[in-house]
Amino acid sequence: MKKDKIIFWTATIIIFLFEGLMPALTSHTELAKEGIRHLGYPEYFGTILVVFKVSGALALIIPQVHNLIKEWAYAGFAFTFIFACISHWVIDGFGFLTILPLIILAILVVSYVFYHKIFSSKITA
């Protein structure tokens, strides 16, 4: 059980850092805004994305958040990573920026699997 918790928290903290902390600290930079424009999205989409990323990351990391909210956060991140992969592939072709969201998605899946492994008896609708 201790090993499972270590794996869960390690994966979840990585997601929090990549999807909560980094966007919160860097979303206002010109590089981040250019990245959104480069993919063909309007600038306001980047702002909305950051709000949801930070909210979802906080939902995953705070134990008192209701389990259904956590499920929605996991689903939202999964969609975000899949569509980020597609967006980069369509605009830039196959490369590291196409693969990176899938790597983060794999870490998210580890977090999700171990979340259910640890907290399955506590999850209620």
N, C-alpha and C. Protein backbone atom coordinates (compact mmCIF):
# COMPACT_ATOMS: atom_id res chain seq x y z
N MET A 1 0.82 -1.20 0.00
CA MET A 1 0.00 0.00 0.00
C MET A 1 0.86 1.26 0.00
N LYS A 2 1.97 1.23 0.73
CA LYS A 2 2.85 2.40 0.78
C LYS A 2 3.47 2.67 -0.59
N LYS A 3 3.87 1.60 -1.29
CA LYS A 3 4.44 1.74 -2.63
C LYS A 3 3.41 2.35 -3.58
N ASP A 4 2.16 1.90 -3.47
CA ASP A 4 1.10 2.43 -4.32
C ASP A 4 0.89 3.92 -4.09
N LYS A 5 0.93 4.34 -2.83
CA LYS A 5 0.76 5.76 -2.51
C LYS A 5 1.93 6.59 -3.05
N ILE A 6 3.13 6.05 -2.97
CA ILE A 6 4.30 6.76 -3.50
C ILE A 6 4.17 6.93 -5.01
N ILE A 7 3.77 5.87 -5.70
CA ILE A 7 3.58 5.95 -7.16
C ILE A 7 2.48 6.95 -7.49
N PHE A 8 1.35 6.86 -6.78
CA PHE A 8 0.24 7.78 -7.03
C PHE A 8 0.68 9.23 -6.84
N TRP A 9 1.28 9.53 -5.70
CA TRP A 9 1.64 10.93 -5.41
C TRP A 9 2.74 11.43 -6.32
N THR A 10 3.66 10.58 -6.70
CA THR A 10 4.71 11.00 -7.64
C THR A 10 4.10 11.38 -8.98
N ALA A 11 3.26 10.52 -9.51
CA ALA A 11 2.61 10.80 -10.81
C ALA A 11 1.71 12.02 -10.71
N THR A 12 0.96 12.14 -9.64
CA THR A 12 0.03 13.25 -9.48
C THR A 12 0.77 14.58 -9.31
N ILE A 13 1.87 14.57 -8.60
CA ILE A 13 2.66 15.80 -8.44
C ILE A 13 3.29 16.21 -9.77
N ILE A 14 3.71 15.25 -10.57
CA ILE A 14 4.24 15.58 -11.90
C ILE A 14 3.15 16.25 -12.75
N ILE A 15 1.94 15.71 -12.71
CA ILE A 15 0.82 16.32 -13.43
C ILE A 15 0.57 17.72 -12.89
N PHE A 16 0.57 17.87 -11.57
CA PHE A 16 0.35 19.18 -10.97
C PHE A 16 1.41 20.19 -11.43
N LEU A 17 2.65 19.76 -11.47
CA LEU A 17 3.72 20.68 -11.89
C LEU A 17 3.59 21.07 -13.35
N PHE A 18 3.34 20.09 -14.22
CA PHE A 18 3.24 20.35 -15.66
C PHE A 18 1.95 21.08 -16.04
N GLU A 19 0.85 20.76 -15.37
CA GLU A 19 -0.45 21.28 -15.79
C GLU A 19 -1.05 22.31 -14.85
N GLY A 20 -0.49 22.48 -13.69
CA GLY A 20 -1.00 23.48 -12.75
C GLY A 20 -0.02 24.60 -12.53
N LEU A 21 1.16 24.26 -12.07
CA LEU A 21 2.14 25.28 -11.71
C LEU A 21 2.76 25.96 -12.93
N MET A 22 3.25 25.18 -13.88
CA MET A 22 3.90 25.78 -15.06
C MET A 22 2.97 26.69 -15.85
N PRO A 23 1.74 26.28 -16.17
CA PRO A 23 0.85 27.20 -16.89
C PRO A 23 0.54 28.46 -16.08
N ALA A 24 0.37 28.31 -14.77
CA ALA A 24 0.07 29.47 -13.93
C ALA A 24 1.21 30.48 -13.96
N LEU A 25 2.44 29.99 -14.01
CA LEU A 25 3.60 30.87 -13.96
C LEU A 25 4.01 31.41 -15.33
N THR A 26 3.67 30.70 -16.40
CA THR A 26 4.19 31.07 -17.72
C THR A 26 3.14 31.51 -18.74
N SER A 27 1.86 31.43 -18.39
CA SER A 27 0.81 31.70 -19.38
C SER A 27 0.80 33.13 -19.90
N HIS A 28 1.31 34.04 -19.13
CA HIS A 28 1.31 35.45 -19.54
C HIS A 28 2.50 35.83 -20.41
N THR A 29 3.43 34.91 -20.61
CA THR A 29 4.62 35.22 -21.40
C THR A 29 4.29 35.27 -22.89
N GLU A 30 5.09 36.01 -23.62
CA GLU A 30 4.88 36.12 -25.07
C GLU A 30 5.09 34.76 -25.74
N LEU A 31 6.01 33.96 -25.23
CA LEU A 31 6.26 32.64 -25.80
C LEU A 31 5.01 31.75 -25.71
N ALA A 32 4.33 31.79 -24.58
CA ALA A 32 3.12 31.00 -24.40
C ALA A 32 2.01 31.49 -25.33
N LYS A 33 1.87 32.80 -25.43
CA LYS A 33 0.84 33.37 -26.31
C LYS A 33 1.14 33.04 -27.77
N GLU A 34 2.40 33.07 -28.15
CA GLU A 34 2.79 32.72 -29.52
C GLU A 34 2.51 31.25 -29.80
N GLY A 35 2.71 30.40 -28.79
CA GLY A 35 2.42 28.97 -28.96
C GLY A 35 0.95 28.72 -29.26
N ILE A 36 0.08 29.43 -28.58
CA ILE A 36 -1.36 29.30 -28.83
C ILE A 36 -1.70 29.81 -30.23
N ARG A 37 -1.15 30.97 -30.59
CA ARG A 37 -1.40 31.53 -31.93
C ARG A 37 -0.87 30.61 -33.02
N HIS A 38 0.30 30.03 -32.78
CA HIS A 38 0.93 29.14 -33.76
C HIS A 38 0.03 27.95 -34.10
N LEU A 39 -0.69 27.47 -33.10
CA LEU A 39 -1.58 26.33 -33.32
C LEU A 39 -2.92 26.75 -33.92
N GLY A 40 -3.11 28.06 -34.10
CA GLY A 40 -4.33 28.54 -34.74
C GLY A 40 -5.47 28.85 -33.80
N TYR A 41 -5.19 28.89 -32.51
CA TYR A 41 -6.22 29.19 -31.54
C TYR A 41 -6.18 30.67 -31.18
N PRO A 42 -7.35 31.26 -30.85
CA PRO A 42 -7.35 32.66 -30.42
C PRO A 42 -6.71 32.79 -29.03
N GLU A 43 -6.23 33.97 -28.73
CA GLU A 43 -5.51 34.19 -27.47
C GLU A 43 -6.37 33.89 -26.25
N TYR A 44 -7.65 34.20 -26.31
CA TYR A 44 -8.52 33.94 -25.15
C TYR A 44 -8.61 32.45 -24.84
N PHE A 45 -8.40 31.59 -25.85
CA PHE A 45 -8.43 30.16 -25.62
C PHE A 45 -7.31 29.75 -24.65
N GLY A 46 -6.16 30.38 -24.80
CA GLY A 46 -5.04 30.10 -23.90
C GLY A 46 -5.37 30.46 -22.46
N THR A 47 -6.06 31.57 -22.28
CA THR A 47 -6.44 32.00 -20.93
C THR A 47 -7.43 31.01 -20.32
N ILE A 48 -8.42 30.63 -21.11
CA ILE A 48 -9.41 29.66 -20.63
C ILE A 48 -8.74 28.33 -20.29
N LEU A 49 -7.84 27.90 -21.15
CA LEU A 49 -7.13 26.64 -20.94
C LEU A 49 -6.34 26.66 -19.64
N VAL A 50 -5.67 27.78 -19.37
CA VAL A 50 -4.89 27.89 -18.13
C VAL A 50 -5.80 27.82 -16.91
N VAL A 51 -6.93 28.50 -16.96
CA VAL A 51 -7.86 28.47 -15.82
C VAL A 51 -8.31 27.03 -15.54
N PHE A 52 -8.67 26.31 -16.59
CA PHE A 52 -9.11 24.93 -16.40
C PHE A 52 -7.96 24.01 -15.99
N LYS A 53 -6.76 24.23 -16.53
CA LYS A 53 -5.62 23.40 -16.15
C LYS A 53 -5.28 23.58 -14.68
N VAL A 54 -5.22 24.82 -14.24
CA VAL A 54 -4.89 25.09 -12.83
C VAL A 54 -5.99 24.53 -11.92
N SER A 55 -7.25 24.74 -12.29
CA SER A 55 -8.36 24.21 -11.49
C SER A 55 -8.32 22.68 -11.42
N GLY A 56 -8.07 22.04 -12.56
CA GLY A 56 -7.99 20.58 -12.59
C GLY A 56 -6.82 20.05 -11.79
N ALA A 57 -5.68 20.71 -11.90
CA ALA A 57 -4.49 20.28 -11.15
C ALA A 57 -4.73 20.40 -9.65
N LEU A 58 -5.38 21.49 -9.24
CA LEU A 58 -5.70 21.65 -7.82
C LEU A 58 -6.69 20.58 -7.37
N ALA A 59 -7.66 20.26 -8.22
CA ALA A 59 -8.64 19.23 -7.88
C ALA A 59 -7.96 17.88 -7.66
N LEU A 60 -6.94 17.58 -8.44
CA LEU A 60 -6.25 16.30 -8.29
C LEU A 60 -5.38 16.26 -7.04
N ILE A 61 -4.80 17.37 -6.67
CA ILE A 61 -3.80 17.37 -5.60
C ILE A 61 -4.40 17.58 -4.21
N ILE A 62 -5.60 18.18 -4.14
CA ILE A 62 -6.22 18.45 -2.84
C ILE A 62 -7.10 17.26 -2.45
N PRO A 63 -6.75 16.57 -1.37
CA PRO A 63 -7.49 15.35 -0.99
C PRO A 63 -8.97 15.58 -0.68
N GLN A 64 -9.35 16.77 -0.20
CA GLN A 64 -10.72 17.00 0.20
C GLN A 64 -11.68 17.24 -0.97
N VAL A 65 -11.16 17.37 -2.17
CA VAL A 65 -12.02 17.59 -3.33
C VAL A 65 -12.82 16.32 -3.60
N HIS A 66 -14.11 16.51 -3.89
CA HIS A 66 -15.01 15.37 -4.12
C HIS A 66 -14.50 14.51 -5.28
N ASN A 67 -14.73 13.22 -5.16
CA ASN A 67 -14.23 12.26 -6.14
C ASN A 67 -14.77 12.47 -7.55
N LEU A 68 -16.01 12.91 -7.68
CA LEU A 68 -16.56 13.16 -9.01
C LEU A 68 -15.86 14.32 -9.70
N ILE A 69 -15.47 15.32 -8.94
CA ILE A 69 -14.70 16.44 -9.50
C ILE A 69 -13.34 15.93 -9.98
N LYS A 70 -12.73 15.04 -9.20
CA LYS A 70 -11.45 14.46 -9.61
C LYS A 70 -11.60 13.67 -10.91
N GLU A 71 -12.69 12.92 -11.03
CA GLU A 71 -12.93 12.15 -12.26
C GLU A 71 -13.03 13.08 -13.46
N TRP A 72 -13.75 14.20 -13.30
CA TRP A 72 -13.86 15.17 -14.39
C TRP A 72 -12.51 15.79 -14.71
N ALA A 73 -11.71 16.04 -13.70
CA ALA A 73 -10.38 16.60 -13.93
C ALA A 73 -9.52 15.61 -14.72
N TYR A 74 -9.54 14.35 -14.34
CA TYR A 74 -8.80 13.34 -15.09
C TYR A 74 -9.26 13.28 -16.55
N ALA A 75 -10.58 13.28 -16.75
CA ALA A 75 -11.11 13.23 -18.11
C ALA A 75 -10.72 14.46 -18.91
N GLY A 76 -10.82 15.63 -18.28
CA GLY A 76 -10.45 16.87 -18.96
C GLY A 76 -9.00 16.89 -19.38
N PHE A 77 -8.12 16.43 -18.49
CA PHE A 77 -6.71 16.37 -18.85
C PHE A 77 -6.46 15.36 -19.97
N ALA A 78 -7.14 14.24 -19.93
CA ALA A 78 -6.97 13.24 -21.00
C ALA A 78 -7.34 13.83 -22.36
N PHE A 79 -8.49 14.51 -22.42
CA PHE A 79 -8.89 15.16 -23.67
C PHE A 79 -7.89 16.23 -24.08
N THR A 80 -7.42 17.00 -23.13
CA THR A 80 -6.45 18.06 -23.42
C THR A 80 -5.19 17.49 -24.04
N PHE A 81 -4.67 16.41 -23.47
CA PHE A 81 -3.43 15.82 -23.99
C PHE A 81 -3.64 15.20 -25.37
N ILE A 82 -4.76 14.56 -25.57
CA ILE A 82 -5.04 13.95 -26.88
C ILE A 82 -5.16 15.04 -27.94
N PHE A 83 -5.90 16.11 -27.63
CA PHE A 83 -6.07 17.18 -28.62
C PHE A 83 -4.80 18.00 -28.80
N ALA A 84 -3.97 18.10 -27.77
CA ALA A 84 -2.68 18.78 -27.94
C ALA A 84 -1.80 18.00 -28.91
N CYS A 85 -1.81 16.69 -28.77
CA CYS A 85 -1.05 15.83 -29.69
C CYS A 85 -1.55 16.03 -31.12
N ILE A 86 -2.85 16.00 -31.30
CA ILE A 86 -3.43 16.18 -32.64
C ILE A 86 -3.09 17.56 -33.20
N SER A 87 -3.24 18.60 -32.39
CA SER A 87 -2.95 19.97 -32.85
C SER A 87 -1.51 20.11 -33.32
N HIS A 88 -0.59 19.60 -32.52
CA HIS A 88 0.83 19.71 -32.90
C HIS A 88 1.12 18.89 -34.16
N TRP A 89 0.50 17.72 -34.26
CA TRP A 89 0.74 16.88 -35.42
C TRP A 89 0.23 17.55 -36.70
N VAL A 90 -0.96 18.13 -36.63
CA VAL A 90 -1.55 18.77 -37.81
C VAL A 90 -0.74 20.01 -38.22
N ILE A 91 -0.31 20.80 -37.26
CA ILE A 91 0.38 22.06 -37.58
C ILE A 91 1.87 21.83 -37.87
N ASP A 92 2.54 21.05 -37.03
CA ASP A 92 4.00 20.92 -37.12
C ASP A 92 4.48 19.58 -37.67
N GLY A 93 3.59 18.63 -37.83
CA GLY A 93 4.02 17.30 -38.23
C GLY A 93 4.49 16.52 -37.01
N PHE A 94 4.96 15.32 -37.26
CA PHE A 94 5.39 14.45 -36.17
C PHE A 94 6.72 14.93 -35.60
N GLY A 95 6.77 15.05 -34.27
CA GLY A 95 7.99 15.48 -33.60
C GLY A 95 7.82 15.39 -32.10
N PHE A 96 8.78 15.96 -31.38
CA PHE A 96 8.75 15.88 -29.92
C PHE A 96 7.49 16.51 -29.33
N LEU A 97 7.05 17.65 -29.87
CA LEU A 97 5.85 18.31 -29.34
C LEU A 97 4.58 17.51 -29.61
N THR A 98 4.65 16.57 -30.53
CA THR A 98 3.52 15.67 -30.77
C THR A 98 3.51 14.55 -29.73
N ILE A 99 4.69 14.11 -29.35
CA ILE A 99 4.83 12.99 -28.40
C ILE A 99 4.70 13.43 -26.95
N LEU A 100 5.16 14.64 -26.62
CA LEU A 100 5.16 15.10 -25.22
C LEU A 100 3.78 14.99 -24.56
N PRO A 101 2.69 15.42 -25.19
CA PRO A 101 1.39 15.26 -24.53
C PRO A 101 1.04 13.79 -24.25
N LEU A 102 1.51 12.89 -25.10
CA LEU A 102 1.23 11.47 -24.87
C LEU A 102 2.04 10.92 -23.71
N ILE A 103 3.24 11.45 -23.52
CA ILE A 103 4.05 11.07 -22.35
C ILE A 103 3.37 11.52 -21.07
N ILE A 104 2.89 12.77 -21.08
CA ILE A 104 2.19 13.29 -19.91
C ILE A 104 0.88 12.53 -19.71
N LEU A 105 0.22 12.15 -20.80
CA LEU A 105 -1.00 11.34 -20.70
C LEU A 105 -0.70 10.00 -20.02
N ALA A 106 0.42 9.39 -20.34
CA ALA A 106 0.80 8.12 -19.70
C ALA A 106 1.00 8.32 -18.20
N ILE A 107 1.59 9.43 -17.80
CA ILE A 107 1.77 9.73 -16.38
C ILE A 107 0.41 9.95 -15.72
N LEU A 108 -0.50 10.62 -16.44
CA LEU A 108 -1.86 10.82 -15.94
C LEU A 108 -2.57 9.48 -15.73
N VAL A 109 -2.39 8.56 -16.66
CA VAL A 109 -3.00 7.23 -16.53
C VAL A 109 -2.47 6.51 -15.30
N VAL A 110 -1.17 6.62 -15.04
CA VAL A 110 -0.60 6.02 -13.83
C VAL A 110 -1.25 6.62 -12.59
N SER A 111 -1.37 7.94 -12.56
CA SER A 111 -2.03 8.61 -11.43
C SER A 111 -3.46 8.10 -11.27
N TYR A 112 -4.18 8.02 -12.36
CA TYR A 112 -5.59 7.59 -12.33
C TYR A 112 -5.72 6.15 -11.85
N VAL A 113 -4.91 5.26 -12.37
CA VAL A 113 -4.99 3.85 -11.97
C VAL A 113 -4.69 3.70 -10.49
N PHE A 114 -3.65 4.37 -10.02
CA PHE A 114 -3.29 4.24 -8.61
C PHE A 114 -4.25 5.00 -7.70
N TYR A 115 -4.87 6.05 -8.21
CA TYR A 115 -5.93 6.74 -7.46
C TYR A 115 -7.04 5.76 -7.16
N HIS A 116 -7.47 5.01 -8.18
CA HIS A 116 -8.54 4.04 -7.97
C HIS A 116 -8.08 2.84 -7.14
N LYS A 117 -6.84 2.48 -7.27
CA LYS A 117 -6.31 1.36 -6.49
C LYS A 117 -6.28 1.71 -5.00
N ILE A 118 -5.91 2.92 -4.67
CA ILE A 118 -5.79 3.35 -3.28
C ILE A 118 -7.13 3.75 -2.68
N PHE A 119 -7.90 4.51 -3.44
CA PHE A 119 -9.10 5.12 -2.88
C PHE A 119 -10.40 4.46 -3.34
N SER A 120 -10.34 3.28 -3.95
CA SER A 120 -11.55 2.65 -4.51
C SER A 120 -12.61 2.42 -3.45
N SER A 121 -12.23 2.09 -2.24
CA SER A 121 -13.23 1.85 -1.20
C SER A 121 -13.86 3.15 -0.72
N LYS A 122 -13.21 4.29 -0.98
CA LYS A 122 -13.73 5.58 -0.53
C LYS A 122 -14.52 6.31 -1.60
N ILE A 123 -14.47 5.82 -2.84
CA ILE A 123 -15.12 6.51 -3.95
C ILE A 123 -16.62 6.20 -3.92
N THR A 124 -17.40 7.27 -3.83
CA THR A 124 -18.85 7.13 -3.87
C THR A 124 -19.41 8.16 -4.83
N ALA A 125 -20.53 7.84 -5.40
CA ALA A 125 -21.15 8.76 -6.36
C ALA A 125 -21.92 9.85 -5.66
